[in-house]
Amino acid sequence: TKTNARGKQLQELLNEGLIEFVDDDSTTFEKNDYGTKLD
């Protein structure tokens, strides 16, 4: 549940445009890391 909450929080930040500065590599890493933990 902690990972899910973190992912949701990150998505909310993205929606607000607060972390637009995050480069593609970092964004991909976060998504891969989240998917791995979820699995």
Protein backbone atom coordinates (compact mmCIF):
# COMPACT_ATOMS: atom_id res chain seq x y z
CA THR A 1 0.00 0.00 0.00
CA LYS A 2 2.93 2.33 0.67
CA THR A 3 4.21 1.99 -2.91
CA ASN A 4 0.71 2.53 -4.29
CA ALA A 5 0.27 5.69 -2.22
CA ARG A 6 3.65 6.93 -3.42
CA GLY A 7 2.75 6.28 -7.04
CA LYS A 8 -0.55 8.09 -6.59
CA GLN A 9 1.20 11.05 -4.99
CA LEU A 10 3.71 11.22 -7.86
CA GLN A 11 0.86 11.15 -10.38
CA GLU A 12 -0.89 14.00 -8.56
CA LEU A 13 2.33 16.02 -8.67
CA LEU A 14 2.64 15.32 -12.39
CA ASN A 15 -0.94 16.43 -12.93
CA GLU A 16 -0.17 19.70 -11.13
CA GLY A 17 2.96 20.14 -13.24
CA LEU A 18 5.22 20.41 -10.20
CA ILE A 19 7.76 17.89 -11.46
CA GLU A 20 7.82 18.64 -15.18
CA PHE A 21 11.58 19.14 -14.81
CA VAL A 22 12.08 15.41 -14.20
CA ASP A 23 13.88 13.98 -17.22
CA ASP A 24 12.67 10.93 -19.15
CA ASP A 25 15.29 8.62 -17.62
CA SER A 26 14.21 9.45 -14.07
CA THR A 27 10.52 9.14 -14.95
CA THR A 28 11.10 5.74 -16.57
CA PHE A 29 13.10 4.60 -13.54
CA GLU A 30 10.28 5.58 -11.17
CA LYS A 31 7.72 3.73 -13.29
CA ASN A 32 9.90 0.62 -13.57
CA ASP A 33 10.68 0.68 -9.86
CA TYR A 34 6.99 1.07 -9.02
CA GLY A 35 5.98 -1.75 -11.36
CA THR A 36 8.61 -4.09 -9.95
CA LYS A 37 7.54 -3.50 -6.35
CA LEU A 38 3.88 -3.84 -7.28
CA ASP A 39 4.58 -7.19 -8.90
